[in-house]
Amino acid sequence: MSRKIVIDPVTRVEGHGRVTIHLDAAGAVQDAFFHIVEFRGFERFIQGRPYWEVPVLVQRLCGICPVSHHLAAAKAVDQLVGVDPEWLSSPATKLRRLLHYGQVFQSHALHFFYLAAPDLLFGADAPAAQRNVVALAGADKELARKGILMRKFGQEIIRAIAGKRIHGVAAIPGGMYRTLTAAERDYFLKDGDLPSIDTMIEWSKGMLEFIRHYHDQHRAWLDTFASYPTGHLALVRPDGALDLYHGRLRAIDHEGRTTLADVPTDAYAKYFDEAVEKWSYMKFPYLKSLGREKGWNRVGPLARLNVCDYLPTPLAEQARKEMFAYAGGNRVINHTMYTHWARLVEMLHCAEVMRDLLLDPEILSDDLQRHGRSRLEGIGIIEAPRGTLTHHYVVDEKGKIIHCNLIVSTTHNNEAMNRAVRWVARERLSLQPEITEGMLNEVEVAIRAYDPCLSCATHALGKMPLLAELYDCEGNCLQTVTRTSSGHLDA
């Protein structure tokens, strides 16, 4: 007999997750849940604020990808002042793109080198205290050094455009606040105290060689761990190329069949709905045409490479083709652990795009703002590092926010992460009906592949605070295990 798990709003500590596992009468895993038990309330407390404050306010959602929220909100606010993306000035658009691709580059570097690489190098059975960037630096100093400098490069791009690395101000209604100077631009083109953009491209190519070699050594595990069929969602250009800043919404199923055919982002509400569950504060988005059970999608690096027809930069496109060929030449890759490979392909793509933009003289132009006729509704959708991000605002005649809906990338991945937890529980507990250190580590590895932003708490030194509970078929709690933020296991 199945049971509903109800989580009261008592645990609101940033970034904590809760896993509950339910057994049937025979002791087999009946179900498992990944609970998000913190509540933020941004959709409510920005109501009543003037629309021009929103791109600054919503950055506080996240200290790791504030640029993504800043730009998604800015795109929505552009519409409120009557400026669609196609009407934004070319220099402003290119500056926003440079800012955004720098953001994705640094966030991917942070996730791969600080979080994923320790998991990959030391294995899920390694102690949690070992699986962090400090241990990584001890084991492979050069890999850690490159990771730190690659992240710094993206952060410096953000600082140059927005004034500071975190929570800077760049986009304004209808355009950009300021342009780059020639000296600021040249800082990224030549090797100095910061390696140049050309060096970033070469290092990104090197990281792809690293991940290919890793797959050669661990292919059996990577091709099976937390693998399950999913839908995939991303933005694409009219020609089907990937675009992280602007495009149309496309979704496919696990075999590549189209489930959402390149619809305008302004029409997202016509095609998507959001379900809620009593046991989590995070919503479950899905395609209305397919329903709650079949309409959910994975988003993020792997989904983007699955959905797009090609990458519009040559080196990354070649790398994408090589990844798909390695995976068997299938139209779609549903192996969760290939997300790390896809993330590195995107890093190379971002580096190529940044080089093209840095060499474009228009980014030094001061033609930065446009104006139009005011509207009462604005929608901004962007590809954040973790996936498709939606900001939707409605204002009154005085310009005050009266409605807000945010669909964060991790929200789209909510169902996929729950299935990952369920997969690990069934695989691990079929061998040993007990919550162990190794099992908790594998839960982290499966969830971390999605780079979830539970208030960005996973962006710590490889540690994810977790509470795991094991229930029998009558609802009795058989075991409770807590992993603290320091990595200590309390049973």
Protein backbone atom coordinates (compact mmCIF):
# COMPACT_ATOMS: atom_id res chain seq x y z
CA MET A 1 0.00 0.00 0.00
CA SER A 2 1.49 3.35 -1.04
CA ARG A 3 1.71 6.25 1.38
CA LYS A 4 1.95 10.00 0.90
CA ILE A 5 4.80 11.74 2.65
CA VAL A 6 3.92 15.19 3.99
CA ILE A 7 6.72 17.58 4.88
CA ASP A 8 5.75 20.37 7.26
CA PRO A 9 7.61 23.69 6.69
CA VAL A 10 9.95 23.30 9.64
CA THR A 11 13.29 22.80 7.90
CA ARG A 12 14.18 25.98 6.06
CA VAL A 13 17.96 25.80 6.26
CA GLU A 14 19.48 26.77 2.95
CA GLY A 15 20.31 23.89 0.64
CA HIS A 16 19.15 20.95 2.71
CA GLY A 17 17.65 17.94 0.95
CA ARG A 18 15.70 15.03 2.35
CA VAL A 19 15.45 11.55 0.86
CA THR A 20 12.78 9.08 1.95
CA ILE A 21 12.73 5.49 0.73
CA HIS A 22 9.68 3.23 1.06
CA LEU A 23 9.79 -0.58 1.03
CA ASP A 24 7.01 -3.00 0.15
CA ALA A 25 6.03 -6.09 2.16
CA ALA A 26 8.79 -8.12 0.50
CA GLY A 27 11.43 -5.54 1.42
CA ALA A 28 11.89 -4.22 -2.13
CA VAL A 29 11.96 -0.48 -2.84
CA GLN A 30 8.42 0.67 -3.60
CA ASP A 31 9.25 4.34 -4.06
CA ALA A 32 11.75 7.04 -3.17
CA PHE A 33 11.46 10.82 -2.93
CA PHE A 34 13.88 13.74 -3.05
CA HIS A 35 12.31 16.44 -0.88
CA ILE A 36 13.13 20.14 -1.23
CA VAL A 37 12.16 21.53 2.14
CA GLU A 38 13.27 25.16 1.99
CA PHE A 39 10.95 27.99 1.00
CA ARG A 40 12.11 31.24 -0.60
CA GLY A 41 8.99 33.09 -1.78
CA PHE A 42 10.50 35.34 -4.47
CA GLU A 43 7.38 35.09 -6.61
CA ARG A 44 5.40 36.72 -3.80
CA PHE A 45 7.64 39.26 -2.14
CA ILE A 46 8.61 41.11 -5.33
CA GLN A 47 4.93 41.87 -5.92
CA GLY A 48 4.29 45.56 -5.37
CA ARG A 49 7.82 46.52 -6.42
CA PRO A 50 8.36 48.69 -9.52
CA TYR A 51 9.35 46.65 -12.57
CA TRP A 52 12.69 48.41 -13.07
CA GLU A 53 13.93 47.04 -9.73
CA VAL A 54 13.30 43.42 -10.71
CA PRO A 55 16.53 42.62 -12.64
CA VAL A 56 18.52 43.64 -9.55
CA LEU A 57 16.23 42.03 -6.95
CA VAL A 58 15.97 38.58 -8.53
CA GLN A 59 19.75 38.20 -8.68
CA ARG A 60 19.53 37.48 -4.98
CA LEU A 61 17.94 34.16 -5.81
CA CYS A 62 21.42 32.85 -6.47
CA GLY A 63 25.02 33.69 -5.66
CA ILE A 64 26.38 31.38 -8.36
CA CYS A 65 24.27 32.26 -11.41
CA PRO A 66 22.87 35.73 -10.61
CA VAL A 67 23.62 36.79 -14.20
CA SER A 68 21.12 34.26 -15.52
CA HIS A 69 18.33 35.64 -13.34
CA HIS A 70 19.45 39.20 -14.10
CA LEU A 71 19.23 38.65 -17.87
CA ALA A 72 16.04 36.58 -17.85
CA ALA A 73 14.37 39.33 -15.82
CA ALA A 74 15.90 41.99 -18.09
CA LYS A 75 14.45 40.31 -21.18
CA ALA A 76 11.02 40.35 -19.53
CA VAL A 77 11.41 43.98 -18.45
CA ASP A 78 12.48 44.91 -22.00
CA GLN A 79 9.03 43.83 -23.13
CA LEU A 80 7.41 45.91 -20.41
CA VAL A 81 9.03 48.98 -21.96
CA GLY A 82 8.06 47.83 -25.45
CA VAL A 83 11.38 46.37 -26.64
CA ASP A 84 11.37 42.80 -27.96
CA PRO A 85 14.71 40.95 -28.23
CA GLU A 86 14.91 41.62 -31.97
CA TRP A 87 14.59 45.38 -31.35
CA LEU A 88 17.39 45.64 -28.82
CA SER A 89 20.43 47.42 -30.26
CA SER A 90 23.12 45.15 -31.70
CA PRO A 91 25.86 46.35 -29.27
CA ALA A 92 23.56 45.84 -26.26
CA THR A 93 22.64 42.36 -27.46
CA LYS A 94 26.27 41.41 -27.96
CA LEU A 95 27.27 42.72 -24.54
CA ARG A 96 24.46 40.74 -22.93
CA ARG A 97 25.56 37.65 -24.82
CA LEU A 98 29.18 38.11 -23.72
CA LEU A 99 28.00 38.52 -20.12
CA HIS A 100 25.79 35.45 -20.36
CA TYR A 101 28.31 33.16 -22.02
CA GLY A 102 30.92 34.24 -19.47
CA GLN A 103 28.45 33.31 -16.74
CA VAL A 104 27.76 29.86 -18.20
CA PHE A 105 31.51 29.28 -18.68
CA GLN A 106 32.39 30.09 -15.07
CA SER A 107 29.45 28.14 -13.61
CA HIS A 108 30.28 25.05 -15.67
CA ALA A 109 33.91 25.32 -14.55
CA LEU A 110 32.83 25.61 -10.94
CA HIS A 111 30.57 22.59 -11.17
CA PHE A 112 32.93 20.32 -13.06
CA PHE A 113 36.18 21.06 -11.25
CA TYR A 114 34.89 21.71 -7.75
CA LEU A 115 32.05 19.19 -7.61
CA ALA A 116 31.96 16.62 -10.40
CA ALA A 117 35.68 15.95 -10.83
CA PRO A 118 36.16 14.81 -7.19
CA ASP A 119 33.27 12.39 -7.65
CA LEU A 120 34.75 11.09 -10.87
CA LEU A 121 38.38 10.83 -9.77
CA PHE A 122 37.82 9.32 -6.33
CA GLY A 123 34.60 7.36 -6.94
CA ALA A 124 31.27 7.24 -5.17
CA ASP A 125 32.62 4.82 -2.56
CA ALA A 126 35.27 7.31 -1.41
CA PRO A 127 34.59 9.08 1.89
CA ALA A 128 32.63 12.32 1.54
CA ALA A 129 35.49 14.19 3.19
CA GLN A 130 37.78 13.21 0.30
CA ARG A 131 35.45 14.10 -2.55
CA ASN A 132 36.18 17.83 -2.72
CA VAL A 133 38.35 20.31 -4.57
CA VAL A 134 41.03 20.34 -1.85
CA ALA A 135 41.64 16.63 -2.32
CA LEU A 136 41.47 17.14 -6.09
CA ALA A 137 44.28 19.70 -5.90
CA GLY A 138 46.37 17.21 -3.97
CA ALA A 139 45.74 14.44 -6.50
CA ASP A 140 46.02 16.50 -9.70
CA LYS A 141 47.43 19.97 -9.12
CA GLU A 142 47.39 20.98 -12.80
CA LEU A 143 43.75 19.98 -13.27
CA ALA A 144 42.77 22.00 -10.20
CA ARG A 145 44.84 25.01 -11.32
CA LYS A 146 43.21 25.09 -14.74
CA GLY A 147 39.77 24.74 -13.18
CA ILE A 148 40.34 27.68 -10.85
CA LEU A 149 41.66 29.92 -13.65
CA MET A 150 38.90 28.93 -16.08
CA ARG A 151 36.30 29.89 -13.54
CA LYS A 152 38.18 33.13 -12.84
CA PHE A 153 38.14 34.00 -16.55
CA GLY A 154 34.35 33.83 -16.66
CA GLN A 155 34.08 35.81 -13.44
CA GLU A 156 36.35 38.52 -14.82
CA ILE A 157 34.14 38.81 -17.92
CA ILE A 158 31.20 39.38 -15.57
CA ARG A 159 33.15 41.92 -13.52
CA ALA A 160 34.22 43.88 -16.59
CA ILE A 161 30.64 44.22 -17.86
CA ALA A 162 28.59 44.33 -14.65
CA GLY A 163 31.04 46.04 -12.29
CA LYS A 164 31.54 43.10 -9.92
CA ARG A 165 31.57 39.33 -10.09
CA ILE A 166 28.41 38.76 -8.05
CA HIS A 167 25.21 40.82 -8.12
CA GLY A 168 26.54 43.49 -10.46
CA VAL A 169 24.31 45.72 -12.58
CA ALA A 170 24.56 45.52 -16.35
CA ALA A 171 21.16 45.25 -18.06
CA ILE A 172 18.62 48.06 -17.83
CA PRO A 173 15.13 48.30 -19.37
CA GLY A 174 15.66 48.28 -23.13
CA GLY A 175 19.41 47.83 -23.14
CA MET A 176 22.67 47.95 -21.18
CA TYR A 177 24.05 50.29 -18.54
CA ARG A 178 27.54 50.70 -20.00
CA THR A 179 29.88 49.41 -22.67
CA LEU A 180 33.39 47.98 -22.50
CA THR A 181 36.51 50.05 -23.01
CA ALA A 182 39.22 48.92 -25.40
CA ALA A 183 41.55 48.28 -22.45
CA GLU A 184 38.94 46.11 -20.72
CA ARG A 185 38.41 44.15 -23.92
CA ASP A 186 42.15 43.69 -24.56
CA TYR A 187 42.65 42.28 -21.05
CA PHE A 188 40.95 39.08 -22.23
CA LEU A 189 42.75 38.80 -25.56
CA LYS A 190 46.32 38.57 -24.29
CA ASP A 191 47.97 36.27 -21.78
CA GLY A 192 48.91 38.11 -18.61
CA ASP A 193 47.97 37.63 -14.98
CA LEU A 194 44.82 36.11 -16.49
CA PRO A 195 45.19 33.55 -19.32
CA SER A 196 43.74 34.75 -22.63
CA ILE A 197 40.56 33.60 -24.34
CA ASP A 198 42.68 31.55 -26.75
CA THR A 199 44.15 29.73 -23.75
CA MET A 200 40.63 29.09 -22.46
CA ILE A 201 39.78 27.43 -25.77
CA GLU A 202 42.86 25.23 -25.66
CA TRP A 203 42.23 24.22 -22.05
CA SER A 204 38.59 23.46 -22.86
CA LYS A 205 39.76 21.15 -25.64
CA GLY A 206 42.09 19.50 -23.14
CA MET A 207 39.24 18.92 -20.70
CA LEU A 208 37.33 17.12 -23.44
CA GLU A 209 40.30 14.81 -23.93
CA PHE A 210 40.28 14.20 -20.17
CA ILE A 211 36.59 13.24 -20.08
CA ARG A 212 36.92 11.02 -23.16
CA HIS A 213 39.78 9.16 -21.49
CA TYR A 214 37.74 8.85 -18.29
CA HIS A 215 34.83 7.35 -20.22
CA ASP A 216 37.20 4.83 -21.81
CA GLN A 217 38.21 3.68 -18.33
CA HIS A 218 34.74 3.66 -16.73
CA ARG A 219 32.33 3.17 -19.60
CA ALA A 220 30.30 0.31 -18.11
CA TRP A 221 29.43 2.42 -15.06
CA LEU A 222 28.83 5.68 -16.93
CA ASP A 223 26.54 4.01 -19.49
CA THR A 224 24.27 2.50 -16.83
CA PHE A 225 24.35 4.61 -13.65
CA ALA A 226 21.03 6.47 -13.20
CA SER A 227 20.15 5.99 -16.86
CA TYR A 228 16.46 6.19 -17.76
CA PRO A 229 14.41 7.59 -20.66
CA THR A 230 13.43 11.24 -20.35
CA GLY A 231 12.11 14.11 -22.41
CA HIS A 232 14.47 17.00 -23.15
CA LEU A 233 13.81 20.75 -23.43
CA ALA A 234 15.94 23.68 -24.65
CA LEU A 235 16.07 26.87 -26.69
CA VAL A 236 17.09 26.72 -30.35
CA ARG A 237 17.54 29.26 -33.13
CA PRO A 238 15.21 29.20 -36.17
CA ASP A 239 17.79 27.05 -37.98
CA GLY A 240 17.89 24.54 -35.10
CA ALA A 241 21.24 25.64 -33.65
CA LEU A 242 21.70 25.90 -29.90
CA ASP A 243 21.34 29.43 -28.50
CA LEU A 244 21.89 30.05 -24.80
CA TYR A 245 20.56 33.62 -24.85
CA HIS A 246 17.48 33.63 -27.07
CA GLY A 247 15.49 31.29 -29.27
CA ARG A 248 12.38 29.14 -29.51
CA LEU A 249 11.32 26.36 -27.17
CA ARG A 250 11.83 22.84 -28.50
CA ALA A 251 11.23 19.56 -26.70
CA ILE A 252 11.80 15.96 -27.75
CA ASP A 253 11.11 12.59 -26.17
CA HIS A 254 13.71 9.98 -25.21
CA GLU A 255 13.97 8.74 -28.80
CA GLY A 256 14.14 12.16 -30.46
CA ARG A 257 10.51 12.57 -31.50
CA THR A 258 9.34 16.19 -31.32
CA THR A 259 6.98 16.95 -28.44
CA LEU A 260 7.18 20.75 -28.67
CA ALA A 261 7.89 22.21 -32.09
CA ASP A 262 9.96 25.41 -31.76
CA VAL A 263 7.28 27.62 -30.19
CA PRO A 264 7.87 31.29 -29.27
CA THR A 265 8.97 31.80 -25.67
CA ASP A 266 6.16 34.30 -25.09
CA ALA A 267 3.69 31.42 -25.53
CA TYR A 268 5.23 29.14 -22.90
CA ALA A 269 2.15 29.27 -20.64
CA LYS A 270 0.04 27.82 -23.45
CA TYR A 271 2.16 24.66 -23.50
CA PHE A 272 3.40 24.19 -19.92
CA ASP A 273 1.69 23.58 -16.61
CA GLU A 274 3.14 23.02 -13.14
CA ALA A 275 2.12 20.32 -10.67
CA VAL A 276 2.69 20.46 -6.92
CA GLU A 277 3.26 17.73 -4.35
CA LYS A 278 2.73 17.94 -0.61
CA TRP A 279 6.17 16.54 0.10
CA SER A 280 8.23 19.24 -1.70
CA TYR A 281 8.27 23.00 -2.11
CA MET A 282 9.60 22.59 -5.65
CA LYS A 283 7.07 22.41 -8.49
CA PHE A 284 6.95 19.84 -11.31
CA PRO A 285 6.60 21.47 -14.78
CA TYR A 286 5.25 19.39 -17.67
CA LEU A 287 3.90 19.71 -21.19
CA LYS A 288 0.14 20.02 -21.16
CA SER A 289 -0.20 17.96 -24.33
CA LEU A 290 1.44 14.92 -22.68
CA GLY A 291 0.17 15.35 -19.13
CA ARG A 292 1.87 15.11 -15.76
CA GLU A 293 2.99 11.48 -16.11
CA LYS A 294 4.73 11.71 -19.50
CA GLY A 295 5.20 15.44 -20.10
CA TRP A 296 8.18 16.21 -17.84
CA ASN A 297 11.55 17.09 -19.36
CA ARG A 298 15.20 17.13 -18.47
CA VAL A 299 16.98 20.47 -19.04
CA GLY A 300 20.62 21.55 -18.95
CA PRO A 301 23.77 20.69 -20.93
CA LEU A 302 22.83 17.15 -21.97
CA ALA A 303 19.27 18.15 -22.87
CA ARG A 304 20.53 21.09 -24.93
CA LEU A 305 22.88 18.93 -26.97
CA ASN A 306 20.10 16.38 -27.48
CA VAL A 307 17.56 18.98 -28.59
CA CYS A 308 19.62 21.17 -30.93
CA ASP A 309 20.50 20.26 -34.52
CA TYR A 310 24.03 21.59 -34.17
CA LEU A 311 26.31 23.96 -32.24
CA PRO A 312 27.11 27.17 -34.16
CA THR A 313 30.84 27.13 -33.32
CA PRO A 314 33.13 24.70 -35.18
CA LEU A 315 35.26 23.19 -32.41
CA ALA A 316 32.31 22.57 -30.08
CA GLU A 317 30.21 21.14 -32.91
CA GLN A 318 32.96 18.65 -33.69
CA ALA A 319 33.15 17.78 -29.99
CA ARG A 320 29.35 17.28 -29.86
CA LYS A 321 29.50 14.90 -32.83
CA GLU A 322 32.32 12.94 -31.19
CA MET A 323 30.33 12.59 -27.95
CA PHE A 324 27.25 11.26 -29.75
CA ALA A 325 29.35 8.89 -31.85
CA TYR A 326 30.98 7.57 -28.69
CA ALA A 327 27.56 6.97 -27.14
CA GLY A 328 26.63 4.70 -30.03
CA GLY A 329 25.41 7.17 -32.60
CA ASN A 330 21.95 7.39 -31.07
CA ARG A 331 19.80 10.44 -31.76
CA VAL A 332 19.39 11.04 -28.01
CA ILE A 333 21.63 10.27 -25.03
CA ASN A 334 19.68 9.43 -21.87
CA HIS A 335 22.70 8.44 -19.73
CA THR A 336 22.75 10.85 -16.79
CA MET A 337 26.51 10.74 -16.34
CA TYR A 338 27.10 11.98 -19.89
CA THR A 339 25.89 15.34 -18.58
CA HIS A 340 29.44 16.06 -17.43
CA TRP A 341 30.78 15.47 -20.94
CA ALA A 342 28.03 17.69 -22.38
CA ARG A 343 28.94 20.40 -19.87
CA LEU A 344 32.52 20.43 -21.12
CA VAL A 345 31.34 20.60 -24.74
CA GLU A 346 29.35 23.68 -23.75
CA MET A 347 32.38 25.21 -22.06
CA LEU A 348 34.26 24.98 -25.35
CA HIS A 349 31.26 26.46 -27.17
CA CYS A 350 31.09 29.36 -24.68
CA ALA A 351 34.81 30.03 -25.09
CA GLU A 352 34.45 30.17 -28.88
CA VAL A 353 31.47 32.52 -28.63
CA MET A 354 33.31 34.77 -26.17
CA ARG A 355 36.31 35.01 -28.49
CA ASP A 356 34.08 36.01 -31.42
CA LEU A 357 32.35 38.65 -29.31
CA LEU A 358 35.58 40.04 -27.86
CA LEU A 359 36.89 40.50 -31.41
CA ASP A 360 33.68 42.25 -32.51
CA PRO A 361 34.17 46.06 -32.49
CA GLU A 362 30.46 46.60 -31.72
CA ILE A 363 30.96 45.62 -28.09
CA LEU A 364 32.81 48.95 -27.67
CA SER A 365 29.86 50.93 -29.04
CA ASP A 366 27.76 53.19 -26.79
CA ASP A 367 24.55 52.56 -28.77
CA LEU A 368 23.04 50.70 -25.84
CA GLN A 369 19.34 51.49 -25.25
CA ARG A 370 16.02 51.39 -27.09
CA HIS A 371 12.52 52.52 -26.11
CA GLY A 372 9.05 51.48 -27.20
CA ARG A 373 5.42 51.59 -26.07
CA SER A 374 4.86 50.29 -22.55
CA ARG A 375 3.11 46.97 -21.99
CA LEU A 376 1.61 45.24 -18.97
CA GLU A 377 3.22 41.82 -19.45
CA GLY A 378 6.76 40.61 -20.10
CA ILE A 379 8.32 37.16 -20.48
CA GLY A 380 12.04 36.43 -20.51
CA ILE A 381 13.42 32.92 -21.13
CA ILE A 382 17.10 32.08 -21.22
CA GLU A 383 19.32 29.01 -21.04
CA ALA A 384 20.95 29.24 -17.61
CA PRO A 385 23.89 26.93 -16.82
CA ARG A 386 21.48 24.36 -15.37
CA GLY A 387 18.86 24.69 -18.11
CA THR A 388 15.85 26.61 -19.34
CA LEU A 389 14.93 29.52 -17.04
CA THR A 390 11.66 31.46 -17.25
CA HIS A 391 10.77 34.86 -15.76
CA HIS A 392 7.21 36.09 -16.31
CA TYR A 393 5.89 39.40 -14.94
CA VAL A 394 2.61 41.29 -15.10
CA VAL A 395 2.44 44.94 -13.98
CA ASP A 396 -0.34 47.43 -13.30
CA GLU A 397 -0.74 50.82 -14.98
CA LYS A 398 1.75 52.35 -12.54
CA GLY A 399 4.44 49.80 -13.37
CA LYS A 400 4.19 47.79 -10.14
CA ILE A 401 4.52 44.01 -10.28
CA ILE A 402 1.15 42.33 -9.64
CA HIS A 403 2.04 38.80 -10.80
CA CYS A 404 5.25 36.83 -11.10
CA ASN A 405 6.00 33.28 -12.18
CA LEU A 406 9.50 31.82 -12.14
CA ILE A 407 10.33 28.39 -13.53
CA VAL A 408 13.91 27.77 -12.49
CA SER A 409 16.06 25.23 -14.33
CA THR A 410 16.24 22.89 -11.34
CA THR A 411 12.44 22.90 -11.23
CA HIS A 412 12.32 21.32 -14.70
CA ASN A 413 14.79 18.69 -13.48
CA ASN A 414 12.78 17.93 -10.34
CA GLU A 415 11.15 14.79 -11.72
CA ALA A 416 14.42 13.59 -13.24
CA MET A 417 16.25 14.01 -9.92
CA ASN A 418 13.53 12.09 -8.07
CA ARG A 419 13.91 9.27 -10.59
CA ALA A 420 17.66 9.33 -10.07
CA VAL A 421 17.17 8.88 -6.32
CA ARG A 422 14.69 6.06 -6.99
CA TRP A 423 17.18 4.35 -9.32
CA VAL A 424 19.99 4.48 -6.75
CA ALA A 425 17.70 3.25 -3.97
CA ARG A 426 16.51 0.25 -5.96
CA GLU A 427 19.98 -0.68 -7.15
CA ARG A 428 21.73 -0.26 -3.81
CA LEU A 429 19.06 -1.62 -1.46
CA SER A 430 18.56 -4.73 -3.59
CA LEU A 431 22.11 -5.67 -2.54
CA GLN A 432 21.95 -4.52 1.08
CA PRO A 433 18.73 -3.27 2.77
CA GLU A 434 20.51 -0.54 4.71
CA ILE A 435 21.37 3.11 4.13
CA THR A 436 25.16 3.23 3.94
CA GLU A 437 27.84 5.83 3.27
CA GLY A 438 28.30 4.45 -0.23
CA MET A 439 24.60 4.71 -0.98
CA LEU A 440 24.41 8.33 0.19
CA ASN A 441 27.42 9.14 -1.94
CA GLU A 442 25.73 7.60 -4.98
CA VAL A 443 22.58 9.62 -4.27
CA GLU A 444 24.76 12.74 -4.29
CA VAL A 445 26.50 11.70 -7.51
CA ALA A 446 23.15 11.10 -9.27
CA ILE A 447 21.62 14.38 -8.09
CA ARG A 448 24.78 16.39 -8.62
CA ALA A 449 24.93 15.46 -12.30
CA TYR A 450 22.00 17.88 -12.73
CA ASP A 451 23.93 20.62 -10.87
CA PRO A 452 20.80 21.45 -8.87
CA CYS A 453 20.46 24.90 -7.39
CA LEU A 454 18.81 24.33 -4.02
CA SER A 455 19.73 27.94 -3.24
CA CYS A 456 23.02 26.90 -4.86
CA ALA A 457 23.88 24.83 -1.78
CA THR A 458 25.54 22.16 -3.90
CA HIS A 459 28.16 24.75 -4.79
CA ALA A 460 30.05 23.96 -1.61
CA LEU A 461 33.16 21.85 -1.26
CA GLY A 462 31.54 18.70 -2.62
CA LYS A 463 29.17 18.35 0.33
CA MET A 464 25.42 18.06 0.15
CA PRO A 465 23.57 18.05 3.51
CA LEU A 466 21.13 15.13 3.34
CA LEU A 467 18.61 13.42 5.58
CA ALA A 468 17.80 9.88 4.41
CA GLU A 469 14.94 7.85 5.88
CA LEU A 470 14.03 4.20 5.22
CA TYR A 471 10.37 3.14 5.70
CA ASP A 472 8.71 -0.27 5.65
CA CYS A 473 5.40 -0.98 3.90
CA GLU A 474 3.40 0.03 6.99
CA GLY A 475 5.04 3.41 7.30
CA ASN A 476 7.41 2.56 10.14
CA CYS A 477 10.75 4.34 9.96
CA LEU A 478 13.40 1.62 9.97
CA GLN A 479 16.46 3.84 9.72
CA THR A 480 17.39 7.53 9.69
CA VAL A 481 20.80 8.69 8.52
CA THR A 482 21.96 12.32 8.42
CA ARG A 483 24.94 13.65 6.48
CA THR A 484 25.90 17.06 7.84
CA SER A 485 27.37 19.87 5.75
CA SER A 486 30.78 18.89 7.10
CA GLY A 487 30.39 15.43 5.60
CA HIS A 488 29.92 13.66 8.95
CA LEU A 489 27.49 10.73 8.94
CA ASP A 490 25.08 10.44 11.89
CA ALA A 491 23.05 7.22 12.04
